[in-house]
Amino acid sequence: MTVPLSDSKRIEDEQFVLPSSLLLDKTEGVGMDGLDETKVSLDQPTSHPKKSFMKAARSKALRPFVIISSSYLLFTITDGAIRMIVLLHAYNKNFSALQVAFMFTLYELAGVFTNLAAGVMGARWGIKLTLVSGLALQLFSYGLLFGWKDEWTRTQAIVYVTIAQMFAGIAKDLTKLGGKTVTKLVTPEEQETQLFKLVSLLTGFKNSLKGVGYFVGSLLIQIKYELALAVMMGLIVLAMPWAILGLDSSLGTTKSKNASWRDVFCFDNHNLNVLSIARLFLFASRDFWFEVPLPFFLRSPSCDGLGIDMCAMDSDCTTNAVCGAQGFCENLNVGGGCGGLAMDRVIVGAFLGGYIILYGQVQSWTPQLVTGPLRQTPPNKLTEVLWGSLNCLPTLVAAIVLQGSDMFDSYDVSGMTAFLVTVIIAFAVVFAINSSIHSFLVVNYAAKEKVAVSVGLYYMSNAMGRLFGTLGSGLLYTYVGEKVNDYSGNDAVAALAACFFAGTACSAIAALITVKIDDHKVGLKCGPCWTIVPGTEDADDEEEGVQDDISGKVGDTKDAKVPHDLDEESKRTC
């Protein structure tokens, strides 16, 4: 039988009915022959998000969400691990920060094009295809890394690892498309708060498990490089059967009209376009200092004694320094600079993994603990402008302290460690709130019948931001800072400070761009008693009917004007 979408979303006391097939067609109805409607109870805004997830797991209608999310989350562990395995292995082989950044270039660049292609693939052939393809390519990428040979020249190694990483980048974005898209497919448009909580829960779990991957990858590579690769390949194999056997091939497809490349480059959705540009700079604000410079700084040894102290063996030198051929202590990785915290690889992995786990947990709880109490749920553009501006503060403080504090000049290791932990925790919290708001806004602004294409375009900008930040950080960290001597490398403290300044600039640009989004009808509050920006919505608008209600998702309802991303005429002419 065929059930019109209007019949499949009856709102009765916070409940809605979804067809089990969960297809995207809005106009012609969705087929569900042989399947029963399944009633799903939505929790009240104050309910526990993990209880909501367990209810979804027991629901036949939401089973695709559970399968896709589980595969996506398991994949995420391997995605975090591969970065740490490559980076830490390259550091010990004396590759510079810029050379390691080049190794990740195709990983990030592939994401730019993959997100475009994945959006079309998902809309034409379904989310199942993109998910299974992503898992298979991740398996292939790990297999290629077994071929990294010690006897290769520096150039040969960079080219080979860069190509291997390219397949991992493609895999990540193919897999991510399903994880992000399925939240929109299982949430009715009237339930924006529920969508915000569902997106926040998924993205939070994803990033927490990526942090686990960072730690597990660094722990395993401390034992053996090949062991780390083999364990991660096992996790991918574990995820594949569920995706292959448990999903309908038509999930996520557009039935009334196949998506095309023309749809991808259809720029009638003003809010999504502006948000995508802001996303580029938001993620660059993190990757300018986090992905390459921070682990290099944490690994780099003290400059004291390098090129000066005589030695007979490595144990005569400080941590992460070796006894060179000339009989002097020298940096394990001259290209990584000196003046850092000289941490072991496992501790570096735990440091970075802890940041990502905290970041993920804050994402999960943002609607309940942050935007909810502040009366900012569901968020709009003003919410993001506020938190985007706050995103500048941790990195700005870090840059200033690194440049001018006696603590770093005198190499006070405990003080340096405590300060960096404080700054990174502060940034993780604020950045996670920003990312959670962004993740909600993209699926909220996306037209539901083109959600796979819209999300793909948005995450293309995400990949461009990571690429910009990764390459920029490699350049800054390698070339900023005075050279201490031939055995030490450059001053890593000055290099990391420059990366923090660049991250601050990107945060400020992202916040300024977000101002251009047309979505401020409910204004901005900071708790029940303080209205920062009054809303433009009044009671008369509510009597205008369903069309005004839909138009009010994005834009100013005072003029009852249909916004760019929902304007049917612009959809037809684009």
Protein backbone atom coordinates (compact mmCIF):
# COMPACT_ATOMS: atom_id res chain seq x y z
CA MET A 1 0.00 0.00 0.00
CA THR A 2 1.01 3.65 -0.28
CA VAL A 3 0.81 6.09 2.56
CA PRO A 4 0.94 9.85 1.86
CA LEU A 5 3.51 11.68 3.94
CA SER A 6 0.81 13.82 5.47
CA ASP A 7 -0.79 10.67 6.91
CA SER A 8 2.52 9.34 8.11
CA LYS A 9 3.24 12.27 10.41
CA ARG A 10 0.12 12.68 12.53
CA ILE A 11 0.97 14.63 15.61
CA GLU A 12 -0.98 13.41 18.63
CA ASP A 13 0.24 14.20 22.11
CA GLU A 14 3.93 14.38 21.12
CA GLN A 15 3.66 11.19 19.00
CA PHE A 16 4.14 10.69 15.28
CA VAL A 17 3.78 7.84 12.82
CA LEU A 18 6.58 7.01 10.38
CA PRO A 19 6.54 4.51 7.54
CA SER A 20 9.08 1.75 8.03
CA SER A 21 10.76 2.45 4.70
CA LEU A 22 11.68 6.02 5.76
CA LEU A 23 12.02 7.27 2.18
CA LEU A 24 12.46 10.90 1.27
CA ASP A 25 9.68 11.64 -1.25
CA LYS A 26 7.46 14.42 -0.01
CA THR A 27 5.04 14.85 -2.89
CA GLU A 28 4.15 11.43 -4.28
CA GLY A 29 3.94 9.38 -1.08
CA VAL A 30 6.27 6.68 0.10
CA GLY A 31 5.86 2.99 -0.59
CA MET A 32 5.72 0.51 2.28
CA ASP A 33 4.16 -2.61 0.79
CA GLY A 34 4.01 -5.43 3.30
CA LEU A 35 5.18 -3.22 6.17
CA ASP A 36 3.20 -1.85 9.08
CA GLU A 37 3.27 1.66 10.37
CA THR A 38 5.23 1.94 13.60
CA LYS A 39 4.31 4.42 16.26
CA VAL A 40 7.23 6.17 17.90
CA SER A 41 6.88 8.22 21.04
CA LEU A 42 8.89 11.39 21.15
CA ASP A 43 10.29 12.38 24.50
CA GLN A 44 9.57 15.70 26.03
CA PRO A 45 12.40 18.24 25.68
CA THR A 46 13.58 17.49 29.20
CA SER A 47 13.87 13.71 28.72
CA HIS A 48 17.14 11.80 28.91
CA PRO A 49 18.76 11.59 25.41
CA LYS A 50 20.19 8.12 25.94
CA LYS A 51 16.72 6.79 26.90
CA SER A 52 15.47 8.24 23.62
CA PHE A 53 18.23 6.36 21.80
CA MET A 54 17.25 3.07 23.45
CA LYS A 55 13.61 3.60 22.44
CA ALA A 56 14.82 4.17 18.89
CA ALA A 57 16.81 0.95 19.02
CA ARG A 58 13.66 -1.03 19.88
CA SER A 59 11.57 0.64 17.16
CA LYS A 60 11.19 -1.14 13.82
CA ALA A 61 10.68 2.17 12.04
CA LEU A 62 13.88 3.62 13.46
CA ARG A 63 16.00 0.50 12.97
CA PRO A 64 17.85 2.03 9.99
CA PHE A 65 18.92 4.87 12.28
CA VAL A 66 20.31 2.39 14.79
CA ILE A 67 22.16 0.31 12.16
CA ILE A 68 23.63 3.31 10.34
CA SER A 69 24.59 5.07 13.55
CA SER A 70 26.22 1.97 15.02
CA SER A 71 28.26 1.32 11.87
CA TYR A 72 29.18 4.99 11.70
CA LEU A 73 30.28 5.07 15.34
CA LEU A 74 32.36 1.90 15.02
CA PHE A 75 33.97 3.30 11.87
CA THR A 76 34.79 6.47 13.78
CA ILE A 77 37.15 4.61 16.12
CA THR A 78 39.21 3.54 13.11
CA ASP A 79 39.11 7.07 11.68
CA GLY A 80 40.60 8.55 14.84
CA ALA A 81 43.18 5.78 15.12
CA ILE A 82 44.50 6.15 11.57
CA ARG A 83 45.44 9.78 12.16
CA MET A 84 47.44 8.98 15.28
CA ILE A 85 49.07 5.91 13.74
CA VAL A 86 50.28 7.87 10.70
CA LEU A 87 51.25 11.01 12.62
CA LEU A 88 53.19 9.33 15.43
CA HIS A 89 54.87 6.87 13.07
CA ALA A 90 55.93 9.77 10.83
CA TYR A 91 57.20 11.80 13.80
CA ASN A 92 59.52 8.97 14.85
CA LYS A 93 60.78 8.78 11.26
CA ASN A 94 61.83 12.46 11.48
CA PHE A 95 59.19 13.95 9.16
CA SER A 96 58.52 17.65 9.73
CA ALA A 97 55.14 19.14 10.61
CA LEU A 98 54.72 20.41 7.04
CA GLN A 99 55.57 16.99 5.58
CA VAL A 100 53.02 15.32 7.85
CA ALA A 101 50.48 17.98 6.86
CA PHE A 102 51.10 17.04 3.22
CA MET A 103 50.38 13.41 4.12
CA PHE A 104 46.89 14.50 5.21
CA THR A 105 46.34 16.78 2.20
CA LEU A 106 44.58 14.22 0.01
CA TYR A 107 42.72 12.91 3.07
CA GLU A 108 41.12 16.34 3.45
CA LEU A 109 40.98 17.22 -0.26
CA ALA A 110 39.22 13.94 -1.02
CA GLY A 111 36.58 15.02 1.47
CA VAL A 112 35.85 18.13 -0.57
CA PHE A 113 34.96 16.13 -3.69
CA THR A 114 33.58 13.10 -1.87
CA ASN A 115 30.98 15.17 -0.06
CA LEU A 116 29.77 16.50 -3.40
CA ALA A 117 29.67 13.05 -5.00
CA ALA A 118 28.27 11.37 -1.88
CA GLY A 119 25.33 13.74 -1.81
CA VAL A 120 24.39 12.77 -5.37
CA MET A 121 25.11 9.07 -4.73
CA GLY A 122 22.99 9.03 -1.58
CA ALA A 123 20.06 10.75 -3.28
CA ARG A 124 20.23 8.53 -6.38
CA TRP A 125 21.24 5.12 -5.05
CA GLY A 126 20.61 5.31 -1.32
CA ILE A 127 22.54 5.68 1.90
CA LYS A 128 23.34 1.95 2.05
CA LEU A 129 25.64 2.24 -0.97
CA THR A 130 27.59 5.16 0.46
CA LEU A 131 27.93 3.49 3.87
CA VAL A 132 29.16 0.11 2.57
CA SER A 133 31.50 1.82 0.08
CA GLY A 134 32.98 3.89 2.89
CA LEU A 135 33.64 0.87 5.08
CA ALA A 136 35.27 -1.03 2.19
CA LEU A 137 37.55 1.89 1.31
CA GLN A 138 38.63 2.27 4.94
CA LEU A 139 39.63 -1.39 4.93
CA PHE A 140 41.62 -0.81 1.73
CA SER A 141 43.37 2.25 3.17
CA TYR A 142 44.56 0.37 6.25
CA GLY A 143 45.78 -2.43 4.00
CA LEU A 144 47.89 0.03 1.99
CA LEU A 145 49.59 1.35 5.13
CA PHE A 146 51.13 -2.10 5.65
CA GLY A 147 53.29 -1.27 2.62
CA TRP A 148 55.07 1.75 4.22
CA LYS A 149 58.76 0.79 4.03
CA ASP A 150 61.59 2.17 6.18
CA GLU A 151 64.07 2.11 3.30
CA TRP A 152 62.04 4.49 1.13
CA THR A 153 63.21 8.04 0.49
CA ARG A 154 61.34 10.87 2.16
CA THR A 155 59.53 11.76 -1.06
CA GLN A 156 58.49 8.17 -1.79
CA ALA A 157 57.06 7.76 1.70
CA ILE A 158 55.12 11.05 1.54
CA VAL A 159 53.56 10.20 -1.85
CA TYR A 160 52.61 6.67 -0.83
CA VAL A 161 51.14 7.56 2.57
CA THR A 162 49.30 10.53 1.08
CA ILE A 163 47.59 8.27 -1.47
CA ALA A 164 46.73 5.72 1.24
CA GLN A 165 45.27 8.52 3.35
CA MET A 166 43.23 9.73 0.38
CA PHE A 167 41.19 6.52 0.45
CA ALA A 168 40.66 6.97 4.20
CA GLY A 169 39.38 10.49 3.56
CA ILE A 170 36.94 9.26 0.93
CA ALA A 171 35.81 6.50 3.29
CA LYS A 172 35.19 8.90 6.15
CA ASP A 173 32.95 11.23 4.19
CA LEU A 174 31.00 8.46 2.47
CA THR A 175 30.27 6.93 5.86
CA LYS A 176 29.53 10.26 7.52
CA LEU A 177 26.86 11.12 4.95
CA GLY A 178 24.63 8.30 6.18
CA GLY A 179 25.22 9.11 9.83
CA LYS A 180 24.27 12.75 9.39
CA THR A 181 21.42 12.28 6.89
CA VAL A 182 19.47 9.60 8.73
CA THR A 183 18.67 11.95 11.63
CA LYS A 184 16.66 14.18 9.30
CA LEU A 185 14.84 11.22 7.76
CA VAL A 186 13.53 9.92 11.09
CA THR A 187 12.49 13.26 12.60
CA PRO A 188 9.33 15.14 11.51
CA GLU A 189 9.75 18.79 10.63
CA GLU A 190 7.49 19.88 13.47
CA GLN A 191 9.87 18.37 16.06
CA GLU A 192 12.88 20.70 15.75
CA THR A 193 13.87 20.31 19.41
CA GLN A 194 13.84 16.52 19.06
CA LEU A 195 15.96 16.80 15.90
CA PHE A 196 18.48 18.98 17.75
CA LYS A 197 18.76 16.40 20.54
CA LEU A 198 19.07 13.49 18.11
CA VAL A 199 21.77 15.21 16.04
CA SER A 200 23.65 16.27 19.18
CA LEU A 201 23.54 12.75 20.58
CA LEU A 202 24.88 11.18 17.39
CA THR A 203 27.63 13.72 16.79
CA GLY A 204 28.60 13.59 20.46
CA PHE A 205 28.93 9.81 20.49
CA LYS A 206 30.83 9.95 17.21
CA ASN A 207 33.44 12.35 18.51
CA SER A 208 33.79 10.54 21.82
CA LEU A 209 34.55 7.31 19.99
CA LYS A 210 36.96 9.16 17.71
CA GLY A 211 38.80 10.17 20.88
CA VAL A 212 38.89 6.52 21.89
CA GLY A 213 40.40 5.82 18.47
CA TYR A 214 43.12 8.41 19.08
CA PHE A 215 44.10 6.74 22.33
CA VAL A 216 43.84 3.14 21.09
CA GLY A 217 45.84 3.98 17.96
CA SER A 218 48.66 5.57 19.96
CA LEU A 219 48.64 2.70 22.46
CA LEU A 220 48.83 0.01 19.78
CA ILE A 221 51.55 1.74 17.78
CA GLN A 222 53.63 1.91 20.94
CA ILE A 223 53.55 -1.90 20.85
CA LYS A 224 53.90 -2.41 17.10
CA TYR A 225 52.92 -0.51 13.97
CA GLU A 226 51.52 -3.59 12.19
CA LEU A 227 49.48 -4.60 15.24
CA ALA A 228 47.75 -1.20 15.28
CA LEU A 229 46.75 -1.56 11.62
CA ALA A 230 45.48 -5.14 12.04
CA VAL A 231 43.27 -4.36 15.05
CA MET A 232 41.61 -1.44 13.27
CA MET A 233 40.94 -3.55 10.19
CA GLY A 234 39.18 -6.04 12.46
CA LEU A 235 36.80 -3.34 13.70
CA ILE A 236 35.86 -2.41 10.13
CA VAL A 237 35.13 -6.04 9.27
CA LEU A 238 32.89 -6.20 12.35
CA ALA A 239 30.78 -3.25 11.13
CA MET A 240 30.23 -4.34 7.53
CA PRO A 241 27.67 -7.20 7.87
CA TRP A 242 25.14 -4.99 9.68
CA ALA A 243 25.30 -2.36 6.95
CA ILE A 244 25.11 -4.90 4.11
CA LEU A 245 22.31 -7.07 5.47
CA GLY A 246 20.24 -4.69 7.60
CA LEU A 247 19.49 -1.73 5.32
CA ASP A 248 17.05 -1.12 2.48
CA SER A 249 18.88 -0.06 -0.69
CA SER A 250 16.32 2.71 -1.33
CA LEU A 251 16.80 4.43 2.05
CA GLY A 252 17.55 8.11 1.46
CA THR A 253 16.78 8.15 -2.25
CA THR A 254 14.79 10.85 -4.00
CA LYS A 255 11.87 9.20 -5.78
CA SER A 256 10.20 12.04 -7.63
CA LYS A 257 13.36 13.30 -9.29
CA ASN A 258 16.87 11.92 -9.34
CA ALA A 259 19.54 14.18 -7.87
CA SER A 260 22.19 15.48 -10.25
CA TRP A 261 25.37 17.51 -10.11
CA ARG A 262 23.24 20.50 -11.03
CA ASP A 263 21.34 20.01 -7.77
CA VAL A 264 24.60 20.00 -5.82
CA PHE A 265 25.58 23.38 -7.22
CA CYS A 266 22.09 24.81 -6.82
CA PHE A 267 22.67 27.85 -4.62
CA ASP A 268 19.06 28.83 -3.92
CA ASN A 269 19.41 27.82 -0.25
CA HIS A 270 20.85 31.04 1.12
CA ASN A 271 21.08 29.99 4.76
CA LEU A 272 22.81 26.71 4.00
CA ASN A 273 25.31 28.44 1.72
CA VAL A 274 26.26 31.01 4.34
CA LEU A 275 26.44 28.35 7.04
CA SER A 276 28.74 26.27 4.82
CA ILE A 277 31.21 29.15 4.43
CA ALA A 278 31.13 29.79 8.17
CA ARG A 279 31.74 26.07 8.76
CA LEU A 280 34.93 26.27 6.70
CA PHE A 281 36.44 28.84 9.02
CA LEU A 282 35.02 27.27 12.17
CA PHE A 283 36.86 24.00 11.57
CA ALA A 284 39.97 25.77 10.36
CA SER A 285 40.02 27.53 13.76
CA ARG A 286 40.62 24.13 15.38
CA ASP A 287 42.84 22.46 12.80
CA PHE A 288 45.25 25.39 12.65
CA TRP A 289 46.66 24.17 15.97
CA PHE A 290 45.14 20.80 16.93
CA GLU A 291 45.72 18.11 14.29
CA VAL A 292 49.47 18.55 13.63
CA PRO A 293 51.04 21.34 15.75
CA LEU A 294 49.72 20.23 19.15
CA PRO A 295 50.93 16.58 18.97
CA PHE A 296 54.27 17.77 17.58
CA PHE A 297 54.61 20.23 20.48
CA LEU A 298 53.66 17.57 23.02
CA ARG A 299 56.32 15.23 21.59
CA SER A 300 59.12 17.79 21.13
CA PRO A 301 61.88 17.76 23.79
CA SER A 302 63.39 20.58 25.78
CA CYS A 303 65.91 22.68 23.86
CA ASP A 304 68.36 22.52 26.78
CA GLY A 305 71.46 20.49 26.03
CA LEU A 306 70.60 19.65 22.42
CA GLY A 307 73.72 20.03 20.30
CA ILE A 308 75.74 20.76 23.46
CA ASP A 309 75.66 17.78 25.84
CA MET A 310 77.96 14.89 24.98
CA CYS A 311 76.52 11.37 24.99
CA ALA A 312 77.40 7.73 24.46
CA MET A 313 73.84 6.36 24.22
CA ASP A 314 70.26 7.61 23.97
CA SER A 315 69.68 7.29 27.73
CA ASP A 316 72.28 10.03 28.31
CA CYS A 317 69.91 12.54 26.68
CA THR A 318 66.54 14.00 27.69
CA THR A 319 63.22 12.41 26.75
CA ASN A 320 62.56 12.32 23.00
CA ALA A 321 66.19 13.20 22.27
CA VAL A 322 68.73 10.73 20.88
CA CYS A 323 72.49 10.39 20.85
CA GLY A 324 73.59 11.48 17.38
CA ALA A 325 76.42 10.26 15.20
CA GLN A 326 78.59 13.21 16.29
CA GLY A 327 78.35 12.24 19.95
CA PHE A 328 75.96 15.07 20.85
CA CYS A 329 72.38 14.83 22.08
CA GLU A 330 70.00 15.86 19.32
CA ASN A 331 66.29 16.12 18.73
CA LEU A 332 64.53 12.89 17.75
CA ASN A 333 62.73 15.00 15.13
CA VAL A 334 64.52 18.23 14.26
CA GLY A 335 61.61 19.23 12.00
CA GLY A 336 59.29 19.05 15.02
CA GLY A 337 61.12 21.82 16.89
CA CYS A 338 62.10 21.93 20.55
CA GLY A 339 60.69 23.47 23.71
CA GLY A 340 57.65 21.21 24.03
CA LEU A 341 56.54 18.82 26.75
CA ALA A 342 58.50 15.71 25.59
CA MET A 343 55.53 13.37 26.13
CA ASP A 344 55.48 9.68 25.29
CA ARG A 345 53.34 8.58 22.32
CA VAL A 346 50.69 6.95 24.52
CA ILE A 347 50.35 10.09 26.64
CA VAL A 348 50.04 12.23 23.49
CA GLY A 349 47.26 9.93 22.28
CA ALA A 350 45.52 10.13 25.66
CA PHE A 351 45.90 13.93 25.66
CA LEU A 352 44.32 14.36 22.23
CA GLY A 353 41.82 11.57 22.78
CA GLY A 354 40.71 13.14 26.06
CA TYR A 355 40.06 16.41 24.27
CA ILE A 356 37.91 14.70 21.62
CA ILE A 357 35.99 12.61 24.18
CA LEU A 358 35.20 15.74 26.20
CA TYR A 359 34.26 17.54 23.01
CA GLY A 360 31.94 14.70 22.04
CA GLN A 361 30.25 14.52 25.43
CA VAL A 362 29.62 18.26 25.48
CA GLN A 363 28.02 17.90 22.04
CA SER A 364 25.74 15.17 23.36
CA TRP A 365 24.57 17.29 26.28
CA THR A 366 24.45 20.72 24.64
CA PRO A 367 20.62 20.85 24.31
CA GLN A 368 20.08 19.71 27.92
CA LEU A 369 22.85 21.51 29.80
CA VAL A 370 23.63 24.60 27.71
CA THR A 371 21.16 25.86 25.12
CA GLY A 372 18.12 24.45 26.94
CA PRO A 373 18.64 26.26 30.27
CA LEU A 374 19.65 29.39 28.34
CA ARG A 375 16.36 29.24 26.36
CA GLN A 376 18.34 28.83 23.12
CA THR A 377 16.80 25.50 21.99
CA PRO A 378 16.21 25.02 19.12
CA PRO A 379 19.08 27.36 18.17
CA ASN A 380 19.11 29.90 15.38
CA LYS A 381 21.76 32.06 13.73
CA LEU A 382 21.98 34.44 16.70
CA THR A 383 22.79 31.52 18.98
CA GLU A 384 25.69 30.56 16.73
CA VAL A 385 26.96 34.14 16.45
CA LEU A 386 27.13 34.32 20.26
CA TRP A 387 28.96 31.01 20.71
CA GLY A 388 31.10 31.59 17.62
CA SER A 389 32.37 34.82 19.15
CA LEU A 390 33.18 33.04 22.41
CA ASN A 391 35.17 30.50 20.40
CA CYS A 392 37.85 33.16 19.85
CA LEU A 393 38.75 33.52 23.53
CA PRO A 394 40.61 30.29 24.46
CA THR A 395 42.97 30.38 21.48
CA LEU A 396 43.58 34.11 21.85
CA VAL A 397 44.53 33.69 25.51
CA ALA A 398 46.76 30.73 24.64
CA ALA A 399 48.60 32.66 21.91
CA ILE A 400 49.25 35.63 24.20
CA VAL A 401 50.48 33.51 27.12
CA LEU A 402 52.77 31.38 24.96
CA GLN A 403 54.35 34.50 23.51
CA GLY A 404 54.82 36.50 26.68
CA SER A 405 54.71 34.28 29.76
CA ASP A 406 57.76 33.54 31.93
CA MET A 407 56.33 30.06 32.45
CA PHE A 408 57.21 29.09 28.87
CA ASP A 409 60.45 31.09 28.82
CA SER A 410 61.76 29.29 31.91
CA TYR A 411 60.45 25.90 30.71
CA ASP A 412 58.22 25.22 33.70
CA VAL A 413 56.88 21.86 32.51
CA SER A 414 54.17 21.46 35.16
CA GLY A 415 52.93 25.00 34.66
CA MET A 416 52.99 24.65 30.87
CA THR A 417 51.08 21.38 31.06
CA ALA A 418 48.45 22.76 33.44
CA PHE A 419 47.94 25.84 31.26
CA LEU A 420 47.58 23.88 28.03
CA VAL A 421 45.14 21.44 29.66
CA THR A 422 43.02 24.37 30.88
CA VAL A 423 43.00 26.10 27.50
CA ILE A 424 42.22 22.93 25.60
CA ILE A 425 39.35 22.02 27.94
CA ALA A 426 37.89 25.52 27.56
CA PHE A 427 38.19 25.35 23.78
CA ALA A 428 36.73 21.83 23.67
CA VAL A 429 33.61 22.95 25.55
CA VAL A 430 32.97 26.09 23.49
CA PHE A 431 33.86 24.49 20.17
CA ALA A 432 31.62 21.50 20.91
CA ILE A 433 28.66 23.80 21.55
CA ASN A 434 29.36 25.55 18.24
CA SER A 435 29.67 22.26 16.38
CA SER A 436 26.45 20.93 17.94
CA ILE A 437 24.56 24.06 16.88
CA HIS A 438 26.04 23.82 13.36
CA SER A 439 25.08 20.14 13.07
CA PHE A 440 21.49 21.02 13.94
CA LEU A 441 21.28 24.04 11.67
CA VAL A 442 22.47 22.18 8.57
CA VAL A 443 19.81 19.47 8.79
CA ASN A 444 17.20 22.04 9.83
CA TYR A 445 17.93 24.33 6.88
CA ALA A 446 18.18 21.46 4.38
CA ALA A 447 15.11 20.77 2.25
CA LYS A 448 14.02 17.29 3.30
CA GLU A 449 13.64 15.89 -0.20
CA LYS A 450 17.22 16.98 -0.97
CA VAL A 451 18.78 16.38 2.43
CA ALA A 452 21.51 14.03 1.21
CA VAL A 453 22.64 16.56 -1.41
CA SER A 454 22.39 19.47 1.05
CA VAL A 455 24.36 17.73 3.78
CA GLY A 456 26.99 16.70 1.23
CA LEU A 457 27.51 20.30 0.10
CA TYR A 458 27.74 21.48 3.70
CA TYR A 459 30.33 18.89 4.68
CA MET A 460 32.32 19.69 1.55
CA SER A 461 32.92 23.05 3.21
CA ASN A 462 33.78 21.22 6.41
CA ALA A 463 36.50 19.30 4.55
CA MET A 464 37.80 22.48 2.94
CA GLY A 465 38.14 24.05 6.37
CA ARG A 466 40.13 21.09 7.66
CA LEU A 467 42.35 21.18 4.57
CA PHE A 468 42.96 24.91 4.98
CA GLY A 469 43.75 24.54 8.67
CA THR A 470 45.97 21.46 8.25
CA LEU A 471 48.14 22.92 5.50
CA GLY A 472 48.30 26.33 7.16
CA SER A 473 49.31 24.80 10.48
CA GLY A 474 52.08 22.78 8.82
CA LEU A 475 53.51 25.92 7.24
CA LEU A 476 53.31 27.99 10.43
CA TYR A 477 54.66 25.34 12.76
CA THR A 478 57.58 24.47 10.46
CA TYR A 479 58.73 27.98 9.58
CA VAL A 480 57.71 30.26 12.47
CA GLY A 481 60.13 30.49 15.37
CA GLU A 482 63.88 31.08 15.44
CA LYS A 483 66.20 28.19 14.73
CA VAL A 484 67.97 27.16 17.95
CA ASN A 485 70.71 25.09 16.27
CA ASP A 486 71.14 22.28 13.76
CA TYR A 487 70.52 19.64 16.41
CA SER A 488 67.39 21.18 17.91
CA GLY A 489 65.23 22.73 15.21
CA ASN A 490 63.04 25.82 15.57
CA ASP A 491 61.44 27.26 18.69
CA ALA A 492 58.25 25.20 19.02
CA VAL A 493 56.67 27.59 21.54
CA ALA A 494 56.67 30.51 19.07
CA ALA A 495 55.41 28.20 16.33
CA LEU A 496 52.47 26.94 18.40
CA ALA A 497 51.60 30.51 19.43
CA ALA A 498 51.38 31.52 15.75
CA CYS A 499 49.03 28.59 15.12
CA PHE A 500 46.80 29.71 18.01
CA PHE A 501 46.67 33.25 16.58
CA ALA A 502 45.62 31.86 13.18
CA GLY A 503 42.89 29.79 14.86
CA THR A 504 41.58 32.89 16.63
CA ALA A 505 41.34 34.80 13.36
CA CYS A 506 39.36 31.95 11.77
CA SER A 507 36.91 31.86 14.70
CA ALA A 508 36.25 35.58 14.34
CA ILE A 509 35.69 35.28 10.57
CA ALA A 510 33.25 32.38 11.07
CA ALA A 511 31.18 34.39 13.57
CA LEU A 512 31.04 37.42 11.25
CA ILE A 513 29.91 35.31 8.29
CA THR A 514 27.14 33.70 10.37
CA VAL A 515 25.56 37.15 10.82
CA LYS A 516 24.43 36.95 7.17
CA ILE A 517 22.10 34.00 7.83
CA ASP A 518 18.40 34.89 7.68
CA ASP A 519 17.15 33.13 10.82
CA HIS A 520 16.47 35.29 13.84
CA LYS A 521 12.69 35.24 14.29
CA VAL A 522 12.81 34.02 17.90
CA GLY A 523 15.62 36.38 18.88
CA LEU A 524 18.30 35.45 21.41
CA LYS A 525 17.92 34.81 25.11
CA CYS A 526 20.40 34.09 27.87
CA GLY A 527 18.20 32.37 30.44
CA PRO A 528 14.56 33.00 31.35
CA CYS A 529 15.07 36.61 32.43
CA TRP A 530 17.53 38.12 29.94
CA THR A 531 16.62 38.75 26.31
CA ILE A 532 19.72 39.83 24.39
CA VAL A 533 17.94 40.28 21.03
CA PRO A 534 14.11 40.41 20.97
CA GLY A 535 12.28 38.16 18.53
CA THR A 536 10.26 39.42 15.55
CA GLU A 537 7.46 36.82 15.80
CA ASP A 538 4.03 37.78 17.13
CA ALA A 539 0.76 36.01 17.78
CA ASP A 540 -0.87 37.25 14.58
CA ASP A 541 1.62 35.33 12.49
CA GLU A 542 0.49 32.03 14.03
CA GLU A 543 -2.98 32.50 12.49
CA GLU A 544 -1.55 32.61 9.00
CA GLY A 545 -1.61 28.78 8.75
CA VAL A 546 0.72 26.00 7.90
CA GLN A 547 2.61 27.83 5.17
CA ASP A 548 3.76 30.55 7.57
CA ASP A 549 4.66 27.82 10.05
CA ILE A 550 6.95 26.17 7.50
CA SER A 551 8.33 29.49 6.35
CA GLY A 552 9.12 30.31 9.95
CA LYS A 553 11.74 27.52 10.05
CA VAL A 554 14.18 29.89 8.44
CA GLY A 555 13.81 33.62 8.11
CA ASP A 556 11.55 36.39 9.27
CA THR A 557 7.88 35.38 9.56
CA LYS A 558 6.74 38.89 10.22
CA ASP A 559 6.52 39.47 6.47
CA ALA A 560 5.20 35.92 5.85
CA LYS A 561 7.93 35.59 3.26
CA VAL A 562 9.03 32.14 2.08
CA PRO A 563 12.81 31.83 2.61
CA HIS A 564 15.32 30.87 -0.03
CA ASP A 565 15.70 27.24 0.97
CA LEU A 566 11.94 26.53 0.91
CA ASP A 567 10.91 28.65 -2.06
CA GLU A 568 9.32 26.19 -4.50
CA GLU A 569 9.74 28.53 -7.45
CA SER A 570 13.48 28.80 -6.88
CA LYS A 571 13.70 25.01 -6.58
CA ARG A 572 12.11 24.62 -10.02
CA THR A 573 14.30 27.21 -11.72
CA CYS A 574 17.61 26.35 -10.07
